[in-house]
Amino acid sequence: MASNTATAGVGRLIVGKWHTGVGAGVAGVIPMILFNHLWLGKELFPSFGLIPFAVLWGVVYAGIAGVGRLNRLAANPRTGTVLGIAYGFLVWMGPQIGEPIGQGTFTLNGVIQIVLFGGVLGVVYASSPQFSSQ
């Protein structure tokens, strides 16, 4: 039988961050998918292709948000929402830098979707019982 060591706490923290990141990413992409379907009239099921990217961005956010001062900001729902929106712009619009405004994904609809994704991501991460008390 294995003994409970200090590394077990680290493992629990890593798994907790991973679960929180996956959950926050999936929760963040749902409003994007619904906005695409209900407001823009796009097909519902092809938008589910965004879920793997949302999971990736959620896990990366959980990893970044757990570092130093960002941890305090991300764990507070007020500042976590703003941090999530800023992060959403970085990951979803970062590849669009240099693209003319109004073309491709750098549109008002794209900005609305990014705000939805980032806001929900930040709120879900900050509301997570594992990190909200830190």
C-alpha atoms as a PDB file:
ATOM      1  CA  MET A   1       0.000   0.000   0.000  1.00  0.00           C
ATOM      2  CA  ALA A   2       1.415   3.383  -0.997  1.00  0.00           C
ATOM      3  CA  SER A   3       1.960   6.020   1.644  1.00  0.00           C
ATOM      4  CA  ASN A   4       0.573   9.535   1.406  1.00  0.00           C
ATOM      5  CA  THR A   5       3.541  11.733   0.474  1.00  0.00           C
ATOM      6  CA  ALA A   6       4.001  15.360  -0.420  1.00  0.00           C
ATOM      7  CA  THR A   7       3.918  14.469  -4.105  1.00  0.00           C
ATOM      8  CA  ALA A   8       0.344  13.242  -3.718  1.00  0.00           C
ATOM      9  CA  GLY A   9      -0.655  16.843  -2.929  1.00  0.00           C
ATOM     10  CA  VAL A  10       1.109  18.058  -6.077  1.00  0.00           C
ATOM     11  CA  GLY A  11      -0.627  15.380  -8.134  1.00  0.00           C
ATOM     12  CA  ARG A  12      -4.003  16.382  -6.738  1.00  0.00           C
ATOM     13  CA  LEU A  13      -3.278  20.024  -7.559  1.00  0.00           C
ATOM     14  CA  ILE A  14      -2.286  19.195 -11.146  1.00  0.00           C
ATOM     15  CA  VAL A  15      -5.353  17.003 -11.696  1.00  0.00           C
ATOM     16  CA  GLY A  16      -7.551  19.674 -10.104  1.00  0.00           C
ATOM     17  CA  LYS A  17      -6.146  22.338 -12.408  1.00  0.00           C
ATOM     18  CA  TRP A  18      -6.626  20.064 -15.396  1.00  0.00           C
ATOM     19  CA  HIS A  19     -10.253  19.358 -14.491  1.00  0.00           C
ATOM     20  CA  THR A  20     -10.956  23.022 -13.825  1.00  0.00           C
ATOM     21  CA  GLY A  21      -9.322  24.042 -17.106  1.00  0.00           C
ATOM     22  CA  VAL A  22     -11.281  21.494 -19.134  1.00  0.00           C
ATOM     23  CA  GLY A  23     -14.549  22.477 -17.453  1.00  0.00           C
ATOM     24  CA  ALA A  24     -13.929  26.206 -17.822  1.00  0.00           C
ATOM     25  CA  GLY A  25     -12.963  25.810 -21.487  1.00  0.00           C
ATOM     26  CA  VAL A  26     -16.047  23.771 -22.344  1.00  0.00           C
ATOM     27  CA  ALA A  27     -18.285  26.132 -20.362  1.00  0.00           C
ATOM     28  CA  GLY A  28     -16.733  29.090 -22.202  1.00  0.00           C
ATOM     29  CA  VAL A  29     -17.307  27.672 -25.672  1.00  0.00           C
ATOM     30  CA  ILE A  30     -21.003  26.891 -25.125  1.00  0.00           C
ATOM     31  CA  PRO A  31     -22.074  30.568 -25.362  1.00  0.00           C
ATOM     32  CA  MET A  32     -19.931  30.925 -28.495  1.00  0.00           C
ATOM     33  CA  ILE A  33     -21.664  27.965 -30.120  1.00  0.00           C
ATOM     34  CA  LEU A  34     -25.103  29.214 -29.115  1.00  0.00           C
ATOM     35  CA  PHE A  35     -24.323  32.726 -30.383  1.00  0.00           C
ATOM     36  CA  ASN A  36     -23.184  31.264 -33.714  1.00  0.00           C
ATOM     37  CA  HIS A  37     -26.338  29.194 -34.001  1.00  0.00           C
ATOM     38  CA  LEU A  38     -29.036  31.493 -32.615  1.00  0.00           C
ATOM     39  CA  TRP A  39     -27.765  34.936 -33.630  1.00  0.00           C
ATOM     40  CA  LEU A  40     -25.724  34.266 -36.768  1.00  0.00           C
ATOM     41  CA  GLY A  41     -27.829  31.351 -38.023  1.00  0.00           C
ATOM     42  CA  LYS A  42     -24.895  29.000 -38.533  1.00  0.00           C
ATOM     43  CA  GLU A  43     -25.273  25.230 -38.383  1.00  0.00           C
ATOM     44  CA  LEU A  44     -25.146  23.924 -34.829  1.00  0.00           C
ATOM     45  CA  PHE A  45     -23.153  20.704 -35.120  1.00  0.00           C
ATOM     46  CA  PRO A  46     -20.141  21.984 -37.124  1.00  0.00           C
ATOM     47  CA  SER A  47     -19.564  24.508 -34.319  1.00  0.00           C
ATOM     48  CA  PHE A  48     -18.843  21.613 -31.963  1.00  0.00           C
ATOM     49  CA  GLY A  49     -15.452  21.512 -33.676  1.00  0.00           C
ATOM     50  CA  LEU A  50     -14.527  24.432 -31.399  1.00  0.00           C
ATOM     51  CA  ILE A  51     -14.686  22.212 -28.293  1.00  0.00           C
ATOM     52  CA  PRO A  52     -11.178  20.691 -28.621  1.00  0.00           C
ATOM     53  CA  PHE A  53      -9.691  24.181 -28.973  1.00  0.00           C
ATOM     54  CA  ALA A  54     -11.714  25.399 -25.989  1.00  0.00           C
ATOM     55  CA  VAL A  55     -10.440  22.480 -23.900  1.00  0.00           C
ATOM     56  CA  LEU A  56      -6.869  23.320 -24.907  1.00  0.00           C
ATOM     57  CA  TRP A  57      -7.296  27.032 -24.138  1.00  0.00           C
ATOM     58  CA  GLY A  58      -9.008  26.209 -20.825  1.00  0.00           C
ATOM     59  CA  VAL A  59      -6.179  23.925 -19.694  1.00  0.00           C
ATOM     60  CA  VAL A  60      -3.576  26.507 -20.715  1.00  0.00           C
ATOM     61  CA  TYR A  61      -5.521  29.194 -18.836  1.00  0.00           C
ATOM     62  CA  ALA A  62      -5.639  27.050 -15.712  1.00  0.00           C
ATOM     63  CA  GLY A  63      -1.886  26.554 -15.932  1.00  0.00           C
ATOM     64  CA  ILE A  64      -1.123  30.233 -16.461  1.00  0.00           C
ATOM     65  CA  ALA A  65      -3.692  31.481 -13.936  1.00  0.00           C
ATOM     66  CA  GLY A  66      -2.114  29.405 -11.184  1.00  0.00           C
ATOM     67  CA  VAL A  67       1.150  31.349 -11.258  1.00  0.00           C
ATOM     68  CA  GLY A  68       1.968  34.050  -8.688  1.00  0.00           C
ATOM     69  CA  ARG A  69      -0.045  37.246  -8.829  1.00  0.00           C
ATOM     70  CA  LEU A  70      -2.228  35.946 -11.650  1.00  0.00           C
ATOM     71  CA  ASN A  71      -3.502  33.313  -9.218  1.00  0.00           C
ATOM     72  CA  ARG A  72      -4.940  35.996  -6.930  1.00  0.00           C
ATOM     73  CA  LEU A  73      -6.510  37.839  -9.857  1.00  0.00           C
ATOM     74  CA  ALA A  74      -7.938  34.715 -11.490  1.00  0.00           C
ATOM     75  CA  ALA A  75      -9.399  33.382  -8.224  1.00  0.00           C
ATOM     76  CA  ASN A  76     -11.510  36.518  -7.676  1.00  0.00           C
ATOM     77  CA  PRO A  77     -14.696  36.485  -9.810  1.00  0.00           C
ATOM     78  CA  ARG A  78     -14.511  40.233 -10.568  1.00  0.00           C
ATOM     79  CA  THR A  79     -10.915  40.327 -11.720  1.00  0.00           C
ATOM     80  CA  GLY A  80     -11.086  36.755 -13.017  1.00  0.00           C
ATOM     81  CA  THR A  81     -13.762  37.760 -15.518  1.00  0.00           C
ATOM     82  CA  VAL A  82     -11.620  40.598 -16.870  1.00  0.00           C
ATOM     83  CA  LEU A  83      -8.542  38.353 -16.939  1.00  0.00           C
ATOM     84  CA  GLY A  84     -10.542  35.683 -18.782  1.00  0.00           C
ATOM     85  CA  ILE A  85     -11.741  38.186 -21.400  1.00  0.00           C
ATOM     86  CA  ALA A  86      -8.196  39.466 -21.939  1.00  0.00           C
ATOM     87  CA  TYR A  87      -6.989  35.871 -22.269  1.00  0.00           C
ATOM     88  CA  GLY A  88      -9.826  35.120 -24.716  1.00  0.00           C
ATOM     89  CA  PHE A  89      -8.686  37.974 -26.947  1.00  0.00           C
ATOM     90  CA  LEU A  90      -5.109  36.737 -26.774  1.00  0.00           C
ATOM     91  CA  VAL A  91      -5.856  33.153 -27.821  1.00  0.00           C
ATOM     92  CA  TRP A  92      -8.718  33.667 -30.266  1.00  0.00           C
ATOM     93  CA  MET A  93      -7.593  36.935 -31.880  1.00  0.00           C
ATOM     94  CA  GLY A  94      -3.836  36.549 -31.506  1.00  0.00           C
ATOM     95  CA  PRO A  95      -3.517  34.714 -34.834  1.00  0.00           C
ATOM     96  CA  GLN A  96      -5.520  37.501 -36.544  1.00  0.00           C
ATOM     97  CA  ILE A  97      -2.968  40.252 -35.834  1.00  0.00           C
ATOM     98  CA  GLY A  98      -2.239  42.123 -39.025  1.00  0.00           C
ATOM     99  CA  GLU A  99      -5.557  41.152 -40.607  1.00  0.00           C
ATOM    100  CA  PRO A 100      -7.771  44.045 -41.741  1.00  0.00           C
ATOM    101  CA  ILE A 101     -10.628  44.811 -39.347  1.00  0.00           C
ATOM    102  CA  GLY A 102     -13.990  43.501 -40.532  1.00  0.00           C
ATOM    103  CA  GLN A 103     -12.579  40.589 -42.498  1.00  0.00           C
ATOM    104  CA  GLY A 104     -12.139  37.000 -41.443  1.00  0.00           C
ATOM    105  CA  THR A 105     -12.796  36.528 -37.742  1.00  0.00           C
ATOM    106  CA  PHE A 106     -11.856  40.049 -36.626  1.00  0.00           C
ATOM    107  CA  THR A 107     -15.436  41.306 -36.704  1.00  0.00           C
ATOM    108  CA  LEU A 108     -17.939  42.587 -34.182  1.00  0.00           C
ATOM    109  CA  ASN A 109     -19.491  39.111 -34.023  1.00  0.00           C
ATOM    110  CA  GLY A 110     -16.034  37.643 -33.366  1.00  0.00           C
ATOM    111  CA  VAL A 111     -15.430  40.147 -30.569  1.00  0.00           C
ATOM    112  CA  ILE A 112     -18.787  39.310 -28.973  1.00  0.00           C
ATOM    113  CA  GLN A 113     -17.944  35.608 -29.063  1.00  0.00           C
ATOM    114  CA  ILE A 114     -14.529  36.214 -27.528  1.00  0.00           C
ATOM    115  CA  VAL A 115     -16.032  38.273 -24.712  1.00  0.00           C
ATOM    116  CA  LEU A 116     -18.566  35.491 -24.094  1.00  0.00           C
ATOM    117  CA  PHE A 117     -15.847  32.823 -24.065  1.00  0.00           C
ATOM    118  CA  GLY A 118     -13.401  34.752 -21.895  1.00  0.00           C
ATOM    119  CA  GLY A 119     -16.022  35.997 -19.454  1.00  0.00           C
ATOM    120  CA  VAL A 120     -17.468  32.545 -18.849  1.00  0.00           C
ATOM    121  CA  LEU A 121     -13.975  31.005 -18.688  1.00  0.00           C
ATOM    122  CA  GLY A 122     -12.892  33.532 -16.054  1.00  0.00           C
ATOM    123  CA  VAL A 123     -16.063  33.184 -13.971  1.00  0.00           C
ATOM    124  CA  VAL A 124     -16.023  29.379 -14.024  1.00  0.00           C
ATOM    125  CA  TYR A 125     -12.333  29.258 -13.085  1.00  0.00           C
ATOM    126  CA  ALA A 126     -12.809  31.802 -10.284  1.00  0.00           C
ATOM    127  CA  SER A 127     -15.906  29.979  -9.023  1.00  0.00           C
ATOM    128  CA  SER A 128     -14.131  26.638  -8.893  1.00  0.00           C
ATOM    129  CA  PRO A 129     -14.108  25.445  -5.283  1.00  0.00           C
ATOM    130  CA  GLN A 130     -10.486  24.365  -5.609  1.00  0.00           C
ATOM    131  CA  PHE A 131      -9.162  27.808  -6.581  1.00  0.00           C
ATOM    132  CA  SER A 132     -11.702  30.355  -5.382  1.00  0.00           C
ATOM    133  CA  SER A 133     -10.523  30.077  -1.783  1.00  0.00           C
ATOM    134  CA  GLN A 134      -6.880  30.808  -2.610  1.00  0.00           C
END
